Amino acid sequence: MIGFIVAGLIIGILARLIKPGRQHLGIIATLLLGLVGSIIGGSIASMLGTGDIFELNVLGFIVSVIAAILLIGVAEGLAGTRAKR
């Protein structure tokens, strides 16, 4: 479980580094988006037959980072519309 949290944090940090621009997210939001991204990436990799959802593999890691980047974009979009109101 601790490894899953650490992997989620690493994935969230990598996603924030890869995504251009400045993100206004805290460490908790980064951790949560990284965790969700890692679950999505692990699920997709598992569906493709590369391993179990909790197994660390290259395809799952790449898809996890991509999913986390997309989730950060969605979170920024939601935060931006909330701030404009």
N, C-alpha and C. Protein backbone atom coordinates (compact mmCIF):
# COMPACT_ATOMS: atom_id res chain seq x y z
N MET A 1 0.82 -1.20 0.00
CA MET A 1 0.00 0.00 0.00
C MET A 1 0.87 1.26 0.00
N ILE A 2 1.94 1.25 0.79
CA ILE A 2 2.82 2.42 0.83
C ILE A 2 3.51 2.60 -0.51
N GLY A 3 3.89 1.50 -1.15
CA GLY A 3 4.50 1.56 -2.47
C GLY A 3 3.54 2.15 -3.48
N PHE A 4 2.27 1.84 -3.36
CA PHE A 4 1.24 2.38 -4.26
C PHE A 4 1.12 3.89 -4.09
N ILE A 5 1.17 4.37 -2.85
CA ILE A 5 1.10 5.80 -2.57
C ILE A 5 2.34 6.51 -3.11
N VAL A 6 3.51 5.93 -2.89
CA VAL A 6 4.75 6.53 -3.38
C VAL A 6 4.74 6.58 -4.91
N ALA A 7 4.30 5.49 -5.55
CA ALA A 7 4.21 5.47 -7.02
C ALA A 7 3.24 6.53 -7.51
N GLY A 8 2.12 6.70 -6.84
CA GLY A 8 1.15 7.73 -7.21
C GLY A 8 1.73 9.13 -7.09
N LEU A 9 2.50 9.36 -6.04
CA LEU A 9 3.14 10.66 -5.86
C LEU A 9 4.17 10.92 -6.97
N ILE A 10 4.96 9.91 -7.29
CA ILE A 10 5.96 10.05 -8.36
C ILE A 10 5.27 10.30 -9.70
N ILE A 11 4.22 9.56 -9.97
CA ILE A 11 3.48 9.74 -11.22
C ILE A 11 2.85 11.14 -11.27
N GLY A 12 2.29 11.61 -10.18
CA GLY A 12 1.71 12.95 -10.13
C GLY A 12 2.75 14.03 -10.34
N ILE A 13 3.91 13.88 -9.72
CA ILE A 13 4.98 14.86 -9.89
C ILE A 13 5.49 14.86 -11.32
N LEU A 14 5.68 13.68 -11.90
CA LEU A 14 6.12 13.61 -13.30
C LEU A 14 5.11 14.25 -14.23
N ALA A 15 3.84 14.01 -13.97
CA ALA A 15 2.79 14.60 -14.81
C ALA A 15 2.82 16.12 -14.73
N ARG A 16 3.05 16.65 -13.53
CA ARG A 16 3.12 18.11 -13.38
C ARG A 16 4.35 18.68 -14.06
N LEU A 17 5.45 17.94 -14.05
CA LEU A 17 6.66 18.41 -14.72
C LEU A 17 6.51 18.38 -16.24
N ILE A 18 5.81 17.39 -16.76
CA ILE A 18 5.65 17.24 -18.21
C ILE A 18 4.62 18.24 -18.74
N LYS A 19 3.55 18.48 -17.99
CA LYS A 19 2.49 19.37 -18.46
C LYS A 19 3.00 20.81 -18.47
N PRO A 20 2.86 21.48 -19.62
CA PRO A 20 3.35 22.86 -19.70
C PRO A 20 2.50 23.82 -18.87
N GLY A 21 3.11 24.91 -18.48
CA GLY A 21 2.39 25.93 -17.72
C GLY A 21 2.50 25.68 -16.23
N ARG A 22 1.96 26.62 -15.49
CA ARG A 22 2.01 26.52 -14.02
C ARG A 22 0.69 25.96 -13.52
N GLN A 23 0.78 24.94 -12.71
CA GLN A 23 -0.42 24.34 -12.13
C GLN A 23 -0.59 24.86 -10.70
N HIS A 24 -1.81 25.16 -10.36
CA HIS A 24 -2.11 25.65 -9.01
C HIS A 24 -2.71 24.51 -8.20
N LEU A 25 -1.91 23.46 -8.00
CA LEU A 25 -2.36 22.30 -7.24
C LEU A 25 -1.40 22.07 -6.09
N GLY A 26 -1.93 21.66 -4.97
CA GLY A 26 -1.10 21.34 -3.82
C GLY A 26 -0.56 19.92 -3.90
N ILE A 27 0.21 19.54 -2.92
CA ILE A 27 0.83 18.21 -2.88
C ILE A 27 -0.23 17.12 -2.72
N ILE A 28 -1.30 17.40 -1.98
CA ILE A 28 -2.35 16.41 -1.80
C ILE A 28 -3.09 16.16 -3.11
N ALA A 29 -3.39 17.25 -3.83
CA ALA A 29 -4.06 17.10 -5.13
C ALA A 29 -3.15 16.35 -6.11
N THR A 30 -1.86 16.65 -6.08
CA THR A 30 -0.91 15.95 -6.94
C THR A 30 -0.89 14.47 -6.61
N LEU A 31 -0.87 14.14 -5.33
CA LEU A 31 -0.86 12.74 -4.88
C LEU A 31 -2.14 12.04 -5.33
N LEU A 32 -3.29 12.67 -5.12
CA LEU A 32 -4.56 12.04 -5.47
C LEU A 32 -4.69 11.84 -6.98
N LEU A 33 -4.30 12.84 -7.77
CA LEU A 33 -4.37 12.70 -9.22
C LEU A 33 -3.38 11.65 -9.71
N GLY A 34 -2.22 11.57 -9.07
CA GLY A 34 -1.25 10.53 -9.42
C GLY A 34 -1.76 9.14 -9.09
N LEU A 35 -2.43 9.02 -7.95
CA LEU A 35 -3.01 7.72 -7.57
C LEU A 35 -4.11 7.29 -8.54
N VAL A 36 -4.98 8.23 -8.90
CA VAL A 36 -6.05 7.90 -9.84
C VAL A 36 -5.45 7.57 -11.20
N GLY A 37 -4.44 8.34 -11.61
CA GLY A 37 -3.76 8.06 -12.87
C GLY A 37 -3.10 6.69 -12.87
N SER A 38 -2.52 6.30 -11.73
CA SER A 38 -1.88 4.99 -11.66
C SER A 38 -2.91 3.86 -11.69
N ILE A 39 -4.07 4.08 -11.11
CA ILE A 39 -5.14 3.07 -11.18
C ILE A 39 -5.62 2.93 -12.62
N ILE A 40 -5.83 4.06 -13.29
CA ILE A 40 -6.26 4.02 -14.70
C ILE A 40 -5.20 3.34 -15.56
N GLY A 41 -3.95 3.74 -15.40
CA GLY A 41 -2.86 3.15 -16.18
C GLY A 41 -2.70 1.66 -15.92
N GLY A 42 -2.78 1.26 -14.66
CA GLY A 42 -2.68 -0.16 -14.32
C GLY A 42 -3.84 -0.96 -14.88
N SER A 43 -5.03 -0.36 -14.86
CA SER A 43 -6.20 -1.05 -15.42
C SER A 43 -6.07 -1.24 -16.92
N ILE A 44 -5.63 -0.20 -17.62
CA ILE A 44 -5.47 -0.30 -19.08
C ILE A 44 -4.38 -1.31 -19.41
N ALA A 45 -3.27 -1.27 -18.70
CA ALA A 45 -2.19 -2.22 -18.95
C ALA A 45 -2.65 -3.65 -18.65
N SER A 46 -3.46 -3.81 -17.62
CA SER A 46 -3.98 -5.13 -17.28
C SER A 46 -4.92 -5.64 -18.38
N MET A 47 -5.74 -4.74 -18.93
CA MET A 47 -6.64 -5.12 -20.02
C MET A 47 -5.86 -5.52 -21.28
N LEU A 48 -4.71 -4.90 -21.47
CA LEU A 48 -3.88 -5.23 -22.63
C LEU A 48 -3.05 -6.50 -22.40
N GLY A 49 -3.12 -7.04 -21.21
CA GLY A 49 -2.45 -8.30 -20.92
C GLY A 49 -0.98 -8.18 -20.57
N THR A 50 -0.54 -7.00 -20.11
CA THR A 50 0.87 -6.85 -19.76
C THR A 50 1.17 -7.19 -18.31
N GLY A 51 0.16 -7.43 -17.52
CA GLY A 51 0.38 -7.80 -16.12
C GLY A 51 -0.81 -7.40 -15.27
N ASP A 52 -0.66 -7.60 -13.98
CA ASP A 52 -1.69 -7.28 -13.02
C ASP A 52 -1.75 -5.77 -12.80
N ILE A 53 -2.87 -5.29 -12.28
CA ILE A 53 -3.04 -3.85 -12.07
C ILE A 53 -2.01 -3.30 -11.08
N PHE A 54 -1.60 -4.08 -10.10
CA PHE A 54 -0.66 -3.60 -9.09
C PHE A 54 0.79 -3.94 -9.43
N GLU A 55 1.02 -4.50 -10.60
CA GLU A 55 2.37 -4.82 -11.05
C GLU A 55 3.00 -3.60 -11.68
N LEU A 56 4.26 -3.39 -11.41
CA LEU A 56 4.96 -2.27 -12.02
C LEU A 56 5.53 -2.72 -13.36
N ASN A 57 5.03 -2.12 -14.45
CA ASN A 57 5.57 -2.41 -15.77
C ASN A 57 5.64 -1.12 -16.56
N VAL A 58 6.39 -1.13 -17.63
CA VAL A 58 6.67 0.09 -18.39
C VAL A 58 5.40 0.66 -19.01
N LEU A 59 4.60 -0.18 -19.66
CA LEU A 59 3.39 0.30 -20.32
C LEU A 59 2.43 0.91 -19.32
N GLY A 60 2.24 0.25 -18.20
CA GLY A 60 1.36 0.76 -17.16
C GLY A 60 1.84 2.10 -16.61
N PHE A 61 3.15 2.23 -16.46
CA PHE A 61 3.72 3.48 -15.95
C PHE A 61 3.50 4.62 -16.94
N ILE A 62 3.75 4.36 -18.22
CA ILE A 62 3.56 5.39 -19.25
C ILE A 62 2.11 5.82 -19.34
N VAL A 63 1.21 4.85 -19.36
CA VAL A 63 -0.22 5.17 -19.43
C VAL A 63 -0.66 5.89 -18.16
N SER A 64 -0.09 5.54 -17.02
CA SER A 64 -0.43 6.21 -15.76
C SER A 64 -0.04 7.68 -15.80
N VAL A 65 1.14 7.97 -16.32
CA VAL A 65 1.59 9.37 -16.40
C VAL A 65 0.70 10.15 -17.37
N ILE A 66 0.36 9.55 -18.50
CA ILE A 66 -0.52 10.22 -19.47
C ILE A 66 -1.89 10.48 -18.85
N ALA A 67 -2.43 9.50 -18.14
CA ALA A 67 -3.73 9.68 -17.48
C ALA A 67 -3.65 10.78 -16.42
N ALA A 68 -2.55 10.83 -15.68
CA ALA A 68 -2.39 11.87 -14.65
C ALA A 68 -2.29 13.25 -15.29
N ILE A 69 -1.61 13.36 -16.44
CA ILE A 69 -1.53 14.64 -17.15
C ILE A 69 -2.93 15.10 -17.55
N LEU A 70 -3.71 14.18 -18.09
CA LEU A 70 -5.08 14.52 -18.48
C LEU A 70 -5.92 14.91 -17.27
N LEU A 71 -5.75 14.20 -16.17
CA LEU A 71 -6.50 14.52 -14.95
C LEU A 71 -6.12 15.89 -14.39
N ILE A 72 -4.84 16.24 -14.48
CA ILE A 72 -4.40 17.56 -14.03
C ILE A 72 -5.05 18.64 -14.89
N GLY A 73 -5.13 18.41 -16.20
CA GLY A 73 -5.80 19.36 -17.09
C GLY A 73 -7.26 19.52 -16.73
N VAL A 74 -7.93 18.43 -16.44
CA VAL A 74 -9.34 18.48 -16.04
C VAL A 74 -9.49 19.22 -14.71
N ALA A 75 -8.62 18.93 -13.75
CA ALA A 75 -8.69 19.60 -12.45
C ALA A 75 -8.45 21.09 -12.59
N GLU A 76 -7.50 21.48 -13.44
CA GLU A 76 -7.27 22.91 -13.67
C GLU A 76 -8.48 23.56 -14.33
N GLY A 77 -9.08 22.86 -15.29
CA GLY A 77 -10.26 23.39 -15.95
C GLY A 77 -11.41 23.60 -14.98
N LEU A 78 -11.62 22.63 -14.10
CA LEU A 78 -12.69 22.76 -13.10
C LEU A 78 -12.39 23.86 -12.11
N ALA A 79 -11.14 23.99 -11.70
CA ALA A 79 -10.76 25.05 -10.76
C ALA A 79 -10.88 26.41 -11.42
N GLY A 80 -10.58 26.49 -12.71
CA GLY A 80 -10.67 27.76 -13.43
C GLY A 80 -12.10 28.22 -13.58
N THR A 81 -13.01 27.29 -13.88
CA THR A 81 -14.42 27.69 -14.02
C THR A 81 -15.02 28.06 -12.67
N ARG A 82 -14.55 27.43 -11.62
CA ARG A 82 -15.05 27.76 -10.28
C ARG A 82 -14.55 29.13 -9.86
N ALA A 83 -13.30 29.48 -10.23
CA ALA A 83 -12.73 30.76 -9.85
C ALA A 83 -13.38 31.91 -10.62
N LYS A 84 -13.87 31.66 -11.83
CA LYS A 84 -14.48 32.71 -12.66
C LYS A 84 -15.87 33.10 -12.19
N ARG A 85 -16.51 32.24 -11.41
CA ARG A 85 -17.88 32.51 -10.96
C ARG A 85 -17.94 33.57 -9.94
